[in-house]
Structure formats: C-alpha cells, structure tokens
C-alpha atoms as a PDB file:
ATOM      1  CA  MET A   1     -19.163  -4.704 122.363  1.00  0.00           C
ATOM      2  CA  ILE A   2     -15.707  -5.328 121.175  1.00  0.00           C
ATOM      3  CA  LYS A   3     -15.617  -8.587 119.143  1.00  0.00           C
ATOM      4  CA  GLN A   4     -12.890 -11.329 118.425  1.00  0.00           C
ATOM      5  CA  ASN A   5     -10.375 -10.328 115.907  1.00  0.00           C
ATOM      6  CA  GLU A   6     -10.824  -6.623 116.665  1.00  0.00           C
ATOM      7  CA  LYS A   7      -7.941  -4.387 117.977  1.00  0.00           C
ATOM      8  CA  MET A   8      -8.134  -3.305 121.348  1.00  0.00           C
ATOM      9  CA  PRO A   9      -8.847   0.335 121.660  1.00  0.00           C
ATOM     10  CA  THR A  10      -6.538   2.995 122.940  1.00  0.00           C
ATOM     11  CA  GLY A  11      -6.950   4.229 126.505  1.00  0.00           C
ATOM     12  CA  GLU A  12      -5.346   4.436 129.918  1.00  0.00           C
ATOM     13  CA  LEU A  13      -5.593   2.107 133.005  1.00  0.00           C
ATOM     14  CA  GLN A  14      -3.758   2.668 136.260  1.00  0.00           C
ATOM     15  CA  GLU A  15      -1.751   0.155 138.416  1.00  0.00           C
ATOM     16  CA  LEU A  16      -0.260   0.862 141.882  1.00  0.00           C
ATOM     17  CA  THR A  17       3.059  -0.854 142.337  1.00  0.00           C
ATOM     18  CA  SER A  18       5.857  -0.820 145.058  1.00  0.00           C
ATOM     19  CA  GLU A  19       7.385   2.052 142.869  1.00  0.00           C
ATOM     20  CA  GLY A  20       4.184   4.129 142.843  1.00  0.00           C
ATOM     21  CA  MET A  21       1.395   4.810 140.448  1.00  0.00           C
ATOM     22  CA  ILE A  22       1.740   3.703 136.876  1.00  0.00           C
ATOM     23  CA  THR A  23      -0.674   4.922 134.050  1.00  0.00           C
ATOM     24  CA  HIS A  24      -0.574   2.328 131.283  1.00  0.00           C
ATOM     25  CA  ASN A  25      -1.226   3.189 127.686  1.00  0.00           C
ATOM     26  CA  THR A  26      -3.142   0.213 126.447  1.00  0.00           C
ATOM     27  CA  ASP A  27      -1.450   0.201 123.038  1.00  0.00           C
ATOM     28  CA  GLU A  28       1.826  -0.379 124.900  1.00  0.00           C
ATOM     29  CA  LEU A  29       0.203  -2.706 127.531  1.00  0.00           C
ATOM     30  CA  PHE A  30      -0.893  -5.096 125.009  1.00  0.00           C
ATOM     31  CA  ALA A  31       1.887  -4.894 122.286  1.00  0.00           C
ATOM     32  CA  ASN A  32       4.116  -7.788 121.346  1.00  0.00           C
ATOM     33  CA  LYS A  33       2.900 -10.181 123.775  1.00  0.00           C
ATOM     34  CA  LYS A  34      -0.046 -12.682 124.640  1.00  0.00           C
ATOM     35  CA  VAL A  35      -2.305 -11.335 127.466  1.00  0.00           C
ATOM     36  CA  VAL A  36      -5.113 -12.891 129.431  1.00  0.00           C
ATOM     37  CA  LEU A  37      -7.323  -9.937 130.706  1.00  0.00           C
ATOM     38  CA  PHE A  38     -10.244 -10.924 132.979  1.00  0.00           C
ATOM     39  CA  ALA A  39     -12.522  -8.390 134.376  1.00  0.00           C
ATOM     40  CA  VAL A  40     -14.639  -8.559 137.463  1.00  0.00           C
ATOM     41  CA  PRO A  41     -17.560  -6.315 138.654  1.00  0.00           C
ATOM     42  CA  GLY A  42     -15.754  -5.383 141.977  1.00  0.00           C
ATOM     43  CA  ALA A  43     -12.761  -6.048 144.124  1.00  0.00           C
ATOM     44  CA  PHE A  44     -13.333  -7.724 147.315  1.00  0.00           C
ATOM     45  CA  THR A  45     -16.973  -8.860 146.140  1.00  0.00           C
ATOM     46  CA  PRO A  46     -17.923 -12.640 146.776  1.00  0.00           C
ATOM     47  CA  THR A  47     -17.672 -14.470 143.420  1.00  0.00           C
ATOM     48  CA  CYS A  48     -14.821 -12.272 142.458  1.00  0.00           C
ATOM     49  CA  SER A  49     -12.794 -12.878 145.674  1.00  0.00           C
ATOM     50  CA  GLU A  50     -13.807 -16.525 146.267  1.00  0.00           C
ATOM     51  CA  SER A  51     -13.603 -17.902 142.638  1.00  0.00           C
ATOM     52  CA  HIS A  52     -12.542 -15.632 139.916  1.00  0.00           C
ATOM     53  CA  LEU A  53      -9.317 -14.209 140.957  1.00  0.00           C
ATOM     54  CA  PRO A  54      -8.168 -17.156 142.886  1.00  0.00           C
ATOM     55  CA  GLY A  55      -8.636 -19.356 139.739  1.00  0.00           C
ATOM     56  CA  TYR A  56      -6.221 -17.335 137.964  1.00  0.00           C
ATOM     57  CA  VAL A  57      -3.720 -17.130 140.963  1.00  0.00           C
ATOM     58  CA  VAL A  58      -3.764 -21.007 141.086  1.00  0.00           C
ATOM     59  CA  LEU A  59      -3.544 -21.490 137.422  1.00  0.00           C
ATOM     60  CA  ALA A  60      -1.068 -18.702 136.446  1.00  0.00           C
ATOM     61  CA  ASP A  61       1.929 -21.072 135.937  1.00  0.00           C
ATOM     62  CA  GLN A  62      -0.112 -23.255 133.615  1.00  0.00           C
ATOM     63  CA  LEU A  63      -1.494 -20.341 131.600  1.00  0.00           C
ATOM     64  CA  GLN A  64       2.154 -19.025 131.213  1.00  0.00           C
ATOM     65  CA  ALA A  65       3.183 -22.460 130.069  1.00  0.00           C
ATOM     66  CA  LYS A  66       0.703 -22.211 127.300  1.00  0.00           C
ATOM     67  CA  GLY A  67       2.362 -18.986 125.923  1.00  0.00           C
ATOM     68  CA  VAL A  68       0.557 -16.450 127.956  1.00  0.00           C
ATOM     69  CA  ASP A  69       3.085 -13.448 128.829  1.00  0.00           C
ATOM     70  CA  GLN A  70       0.902 -11.442 131.073  1.00  0.00           C
ATOM     71  CA  ILE A  71      -2.388 -12.071 133.185  1.00  0.00           C
ATOM     72  CA  ILE A  72      -4.184  -8.807 133.869  1.00  0.00           C
ATOM     73  CA  CYS A  73      -7.288  -8.488 136.222  1.00  0.00           C
ATOM     74  CA  LEU A  74      -9.382  -5.256 135.518  1.00  0.00           C
ATOM     75  CA  SER A  75     -11.906  -3.881 137.707  1.00  0.00           C
ATOM     76  CA  VAL A  76     -13.816  -0.477 137.867  1.00  0.00           C
ATOM     77  CA  ASN A  77     -12.211   0.313 141.165  1.00  0.00           C
ATOM     78  CA  ASP A  78      -9.232   2.631 142.062  1.00  0.00           C
ATOM     79  CA  ALA A  79      -5.690   1.448 141.913  1.00  0.00           C
ATOM     80  CA  PHE A  80      -5.348   1.403 145.521  1.00  0.00           C
ATOM     81  CA  VAL A  81      -8.217  -0.981 146.078  1.00  0.00           C
ATOM     82  CA  MET A  82      -6.876  -3.174 143.116  1.00  0.00           C
ATOM     83  CA  ASN A  83      -3.449  -3.213 144.750  1.00  0.00           C
ATOM     84  CA  ALA A  84      -4.770  -4.035 148.247  1.00  0.00           C
ATOM     85  CA  TRP A  85      -6.870  -7.026 146.591  1.00  0.00           C
ATOM     86  CA  GLY A  86      -3.949  -8.281 144.852  1.00  0.00           C
ATOM     87  CA  LYS A  87      -2.049  -8.330 148.012  1.00  0.00           C
ATOM     88  CA  ALA A  88      -4.758  -9.960 150.090  1.00  0.00           C
ATOM     89  CA  SER A  89      -5.272 -12.622 147.405  1.00  0.00           C
ATOM     90  CA  ASN A  90      -1.697 -13.611 147.023  1.00  0.00           C
ATOM     91  CA  ALA A  91      -1.946 -12.390 143.282  1.00  0.00           C
ATOM     92  CA  GLU A  92       1.850 -11.582 142.815  1.00  0.00           C
ATOM     93  CA  HIS A  93       1.654 -13.146 139.197  1.00  0.00           C
ATOM     94  CA  ILE A  94      -1.462 -11.063 138.294  1.00  0.00           C
ATOM     95  CA  THR A  95      -1.132  -7.389 137.139  1.00  0.00           C
ATOM     96  CA  MET A  96      -4.049  -5.596 139.130  1.00  0.00           C
ATOM     97  CA  ILE A  97      -5.163  -2.910 136.919  1.00  0.00           C
ATOM     98  CA  ALA A  98      -7.798  -0.154 137.623  1.00  0.00           C
ATOM     99  CA  ASP A  99     -10.251   1.491 135.345  1.00  0.00           C
ATOM    100  CA  GLY A 100     -11.371   4.014 138.008  1.00  0.00           C
ATOM    101  CA  ASP A 101     -13.890   5.866 135.847  1.00  0.00           C
ATOM    102  CA  ALA A 102     -14.925   2.922 133.618  1.00  0.00           C
ATOM    103  CA  SER A 103     -13.791   4.818 130.630  1.00  0.00           C
ATOM    104  CA  TYR A 104     -11.879   1.976 129.211  1.00  0.00           C
ATOM    105  CA  THR A 105     -14.600  -0.528 130.063  1.00  0.00           C
ATOM    106  CA  LYS A 106     -17.055   1.648 128.141  1.00  0.00           C
ATOM    107  CA  LEU A 107     -14.725   1.882 125.283  1.00  0.00           C
ATOM    108  CA  LEU A 108     -14.844  -1.890 125.226  1.00  0.00           C
ATOM    109  CA  GLY A 109     -18.639  -1.807 125.405  1.00  0.00           C
ATOM    110  CA  LEU A 110     -18.652  -4.016 128.471  1.00  0.00           C
ATOM    111  CA  GLU A 111     -20.011  -1.781 131.186  1.00  0.00           C
ATOM    112  CA  LEU A 112     -22.778  -2.819 133.481  1.00  0.00           C
ATOM    113  CA  ASP A 113     -24.994  -0.375 135.356  1.00  0.00           C
ATOM    114  CA  THR A 114     -25.288  -1.873 138.769  1.00  0.00           C
ATOM    115  CA  ALA A 115     -27.468   1.181 140.061  1.00  0.00           C
ATOM    116  CA  ALA A 116     -27.194   1.685 143.739  1.00  0.00           C
ATOM    117  CA  PHE A 117     -24.952  -1.273 144.333  1.00  0.00           C
ATOM    118  CA  GLY A 118     -21.921   0.324 142.845  1.00  0.00           C
ATOM    119  CA  GLY A 119     -22.804   2.330 139.787  1.00  0.00           C
ATOM    120  CA  VAL A 120     -21.187   1.694 136.450  1.00  0.00           C
ATOM    121  CA  ARG A 121     -19.083  -1.354 136.809  1.00  0.00           C
ATOM    122  CA  SER A 122     -17.560  -3.920 134.334  1.00  0.00           C
ATOM    123  CA  GLN A 123     -19.405  -7.096 133.062  1.00  0.00           C
ATOM    124  CA  ARG A 124     -17.544 -10.290 134.159  1.00  0.00           C
ATOM    125  CA  TYR A 125     -15.424 -11.498 131.156  1.00  0.00           C
ATOM    126  CA  ALA A 126     -12.181 -12.902 129.983  1.00  0.00           C
ATOM    127  CA  MET A 127     -10.301 -12.338 126.742  1.00  0.00           C
ATOM    128  CA  VAL A 128      -7.036 -13.392 125.228  1.00  0.00           C
ATOM    129  CA  ILE A 129      -5.315 -10.664 123.468  1.00  0.00           C
ATOM    130  CA  ASP A 130      -2.381 -11.220 121.052  1.00  0.00           C
ATOM    131  CA  ASN A 131      -0.255  -8.337 120.123  1.00  0.00           C
ATOM    132  CA  GLY A 132      -3.353  -5.987 120.864  1.00  0.00           C
ATOM    133  CA  VAL A 133      -5.899  -8.138 118.843  1.00  0.00           C
ATOM    134  CA  VAL A 134      -8.659 -10.065 120.697  1.00  0.00           C
ATOM    135  CA  THR A 135      -8.401 -13.712 119.679  1.00  0.00           C
ATOM    136  CA  ASN A 136     -10.899 -15.043 122.194  1.00  0.00           C
ATOM    137  CA  LEU A 137     -13.705 -13.355 124.121  1.00  0.00           C
ATOM    138  CA  LEU A 138     -15.622 -14.936 126.850  1.00  0.00           C
ATOM    139  CA  VAL A 139     -18.533 -12.650 128.325  1.00  0.00           C
ATOM    140  CA  GLU A 140     -20.459 -14.079 131.189  1.00  0.00           C
ATOM    141  CA  LYS A 141     -24.391 -14.129 130.922  1.00  0.00           C
ATOM    142  CA  PRO A 142     -25.849 -12.215 133.917  1.00  0.00           C
ATOM    143  CA  LYS A 143     -25.497 -14.000 137.320  1.00  0.00           C
ATOM    144  CA  GLU A 144     -23.428 -16.615 135.768  1.00  0.00           C
ATOM    145  CA  PHE A 145     -19.741 -17.683 136.267  1.00  0.00           C
ATOM    146  CA  GLU A 146     -18.459 -20.250 133.867  1.00  0.00           C
ATOM    147  CA  ALA A 147     -17.220 -18.605 130.552  1.00  0.00           C
ATOM    148  CA  SER A 148     -14.614 -16.403 132.098  1.00  0.00           C
ATOM    149  CA  LYS A 149     -13.125 -18.968 134.771  1.00  0.00           C
ATOM    150  CA  ALA A 150      -9.340 -19.409 134.467  1.00  0.00           C
ATOM    151  CA  GLU A 151     -10.035 -23.191 133.785  1.00  0.00           C
ATOM    152  CA  THR A 152     -12.149 -22.288 130.733  1.00  0.00           C
ATOM    153  CA  VAL A 153      -9.443 -19.865 129.345  1.00  0.00           C
ATOM    154  CA  LEU A 154      -6.773 -22.302 129.992  1.00  0.00           C
ATOM    155  CA  ALA A 155      -8.753 -25.159 127.874  1.00  0.00           C
ATOM    156  CA  SER A 156      -9.168 -22.833 125.119  1.00  0.00           C
ATOM    157  CA  LEU A 157      -5.389 -22.063 124.649  1.00  0.00           C
END
C-alpha cells in the first residue's frame, strides 16, 4: 500500500465532462497543486451517497480556503456513472474520476475484493497529495467511516 511521503504512481484515470471523455495522466493530474483525493467503494451506494461525497460537497469551500486546489472523488466505476453520480449529488466543485478497471487502485495497493457484491473495488480512504507526493493518508478500517470523512481531512490541514 502507498505510504505517506511517497510519490503517487503513474497511471491513467477517466473523467466525463461536458466537453467529452478525458483521460488524465496522474503525473499531470497531481502536479504543482494540493489535492484532496478520496475514494469510495461504489457510486450510488448508501454510505458513499448519504455521507462520504456529501461531506466533501458541503465542505469544499472550507477545504479550498485551507489551500486545497482540487478535490477528487475516485471510484472503481465507469466515467459515465461517476458523472451521473456527481450531477445527482450537486458535486460541481468535485472532480469525479473513474478507475474503471481498478488498475490505478491496484497500483496504490488500496483495492478491496467485494466478491459477488461488485468484484474488485476501492477501499474507502482519503489522502492529501502535495505536488504528487502523499502528505496524509487516511484509510478506513473495514466497515468504518471516520478517517476519510471530509471533516477529518479538513481538521488535518
């Protein structure tokens, strides 16, 4: 698993925007800025939709006031699902990123096999990335939701 003070691995992630599909190179995505990246096991799932994403939507301005340039939500879903989930959640200040095949999540060592529920997904976590380097990593214990909350991240900045 990636650790604090390590550089983010190089990979590709997708985002569907009003201009079309974008494939982000992660070296460029995380370069020269402070990013809060949080990951969820699945779009439109209960804790993710009722608590995790909404917390970042509500606190986006406060995170930005603490020097965060970009807030990214990542899930092992396709970019169409992530875009629809962002729209349904009023997440206009959150970049909704897809890791459709879980390849980037596996590079991070943060995959979770949910078996018949949904296959390989992401663990629930949040991290602060400063110019491509992880400065804070908050990985949830199984079946918990505390470490990766927007409030926890905000308090850590």
